C-alpha atoms as a PDB file:
ATOM      1  CA  MET A   1      10.351   1.905  24.683  1.00  0.00           C
ATOM      2  CA  VAL A   2       7.280  -0.035  23.645  1.00  0.00           C
ATOM      3  CA  GLU A   3       5.973   3.177  22.062  1.00  0.00           C
ATOM      4  CA  GLU A   4       9.128   3.569  19.941  1.00  0.00           C
ATOM      5  CA  ARG A   5       8.914  -0.052  18.837  1.00  0.00           C
ATOM      6  CA  LEU A   6       5.317   0.486  17.764  1.00  0.00           C
ATOM      7  CA  LYS A   7       6.255   3.642  15.839  1.00  0.00           C
ATOM      8  CA  ARG A   8       9.033   1.790  14.014  1.00  0.00           C
ATOM      9  CA  LEU A   9       6.663  -1.063  13.242  1.00  0.00           C
ATOM     10  CA  ILE A  10       4.082   1.312  11.743  1.00  0.00           C
ATOM     11  CA  MET A  11       6.778   3.049   9.683  1.00  0.00           C
ATOM     12  CA  HIS A  12       7.894  -0.365   8.412  1.00  0.00           C
ATOM     13  CA  TRP A  13       4.322  -1.274   7.502  1.00  0.00           C
ATOM     14  CA  ILE A  14       3.898   1.968   5.569  1.00  0.00           C
ATOM     15  CA  GLU A  15       7.096   1.375   3.617  1.00  0.00           C
ATOM     16  CA  HIS A  16       6.256  -2.260   2.933  1.00  0.00           C
ATOM     17  CA  ASN A  17       2.686  -1.407   1.931  1.00  0.00           C
ATOM     18  CA  GLU A  18       3.932   1.237  -0.528  1.00  0.00           C
ATOM     19  CA  GLU A  19       6.167  -1.390  -2.113  1.00  0.00           C
ATOM     20  CA  HIS A  20       3.145  -3.642  -2.556  1.00  0.00           C
ATOM     21  CA  LYS A  21       1.137  -0.753  -4.008  1.00  0.00           C
ATOM     22  CA  ALA A  22       3.840  -0.069  -6.586  1.00  0.00           C
ATOM     23  CA  ARG A  23       3.969  -3.745  -7.544  1.00  0.00           C
ATOM     24  CA  PHE A  24       0.167  -3.883  -7.915  1.00  0.00           C
ATOM     25  CA  GLU A  25       0.338  -0.871 -10.237  1.00  0.00           C
ATOM     26  CA  GLU A  26       3.104  -2.464 -12.318  1.00  0.00           C
ATOM     27  CA  ALA A  27       1.160  -5.715 -12.568  1.00  0.00           C
ATOM     28  CA  ALA A  28      -2.003  -3.825 -13.549  1.00  0.00           C
ATOM     29  CA  LYS A  29      -0.141  -2.158 -16.427  1.00  0.00           C
ATOM     30  CA  GLU A  30       1.231  -5.515 -17.512  1.00  0.00           C
ATOM     31  CA  ALA A  31      -2.216  -7.108 -17.379  1.00  0.00           C
ATOM     32  CA  LYS A  32      -3.661  -4.253 -19.425  1.00  0.00           C
ATOM     33  CA  THR A  33      -0.926  -4.718 -22.029  1.00  0.00           C
ATOM     34  CA  LEU A  34      -1.926  -8.369 -22.250  1.00  0.00           C
ATOM     35  CA  GLY A  35      -5.560  -7.413 -22.777  1.00  0.00           C
ATOM     36  CA  LEU A  36      -6.583  -8.694 -19.354  1.00  0.00           C
ATOM     37  CA  GLU A  37      -8.860  -5.774 -18.515  1.00  0.00           C
ATOM     38  CA  ALA A  38     -10.639  -7.415 -15.560  1.00  0.00           C
ATOM     39  CA  VAL A  39      -7.312  -8.416 -14.035  1.00  0.00           C
ATOM     40  CA  ALA A  40      -5.922  -4.913 -14.580  1.00  0.00           C
ATOM     41  CA  GLU A  41      -8.986  -3.368 -12.971  1.00  0.00           C
ATOM     42  CA  ALA A  42      -8.810  -5.640  -9.931  1.00  0.00           C
ATOM     43  CA  LEU A  43      -5.101  -4.916  -9.471  1.00  0.00           C
ATOM     44  CA  GLY A  44      -5.794  -1.204  -9.807  1.00  0.00           C
ATOM     45  CA  LEU A  45      -8.370  -1.478  -7.038  1.00  0.00           C
ATOM     46  CA  ALA A  46      -5.849  -3.362  -4.908  1.00  0.00           C
ATOM     47  CA  ALA A  47      -3.378  -0.495  -5.430  1.00  0.00           C
ATOM     48  CA  GLU A  48      -6.043   2.019  -4.400  1.00  0.00           C
ATOM     49  CA  SER A  49      -6.802  -0.031  -1.291  1.00  0.00           C
ATOM     50  CA  ALA A  50      -3.111  -0.155  -0.426  1.00  0.00           C
ATOM     51  CA  SER A  51      -3.010   3.625  -0.699  1.00  0.00           C
ATOM     52  CA  GLU A  52      -5.916   3.896   1.730  1.00  0.00           C
ATOM     53  CA  ILE A  53      -4.156   1.550   4.142  1.00  0.00           C
ATOM     54  CA  SER A  54      -1.049   3.726   4.024  1.00  0.00           C
ATOM     55  CA  LYS A  55      -3.180   6.778   4.827  1.00  0.00           C
ATOM     56  CA  HIS A  56      -4.622   5.046   7.884  1.00  0.00           C
ATOM     57  CA  LEU A  57      -1.184   3.907   9.015  1.00  0.00           C
ATOM     58  CA  SER A  58       0.141   7.458   8.597  1.00  0.00           C
ATOM     59  CA  LYS A  59      -2.715   8.765  10.728  1.00  0.00           C
ATOM     60  CA  ALA A  60      -1.825   6.209  13.388  1.00  0.00           C
ATOM     61  CA  LEU A  61       1.776   7.411  13.299  1.00  0.00           C
ATOM     62  CA  GLU A  62       0.722  11.052  13.531  1.00  0.00           C
ATOM     63  CA  ALA A  63      -1.438  10.238  16.565  1.00  0.00           C
ATOM     64  CA  PHE A  64       1.742   9.650  18.595  1.00  0.00           C
ATOM     65  CA  LYS A  65       2.587  13.371  18.396  1.00  0.00           C
END
């Protein structure tokens, strides 16, 4: 059952990472509204990175099949 535990852990990480991505995007919009362009850009890049991480985690999950 170690394999099932690892699958559940990866699924949890994907879900949690997507929550972070959404929060980064919200914060980027807020920063842009405040005129903090550099902050907004950095947060946007963080959201993009989170998306890439989710892709890698999804590939890891698919590799179990």
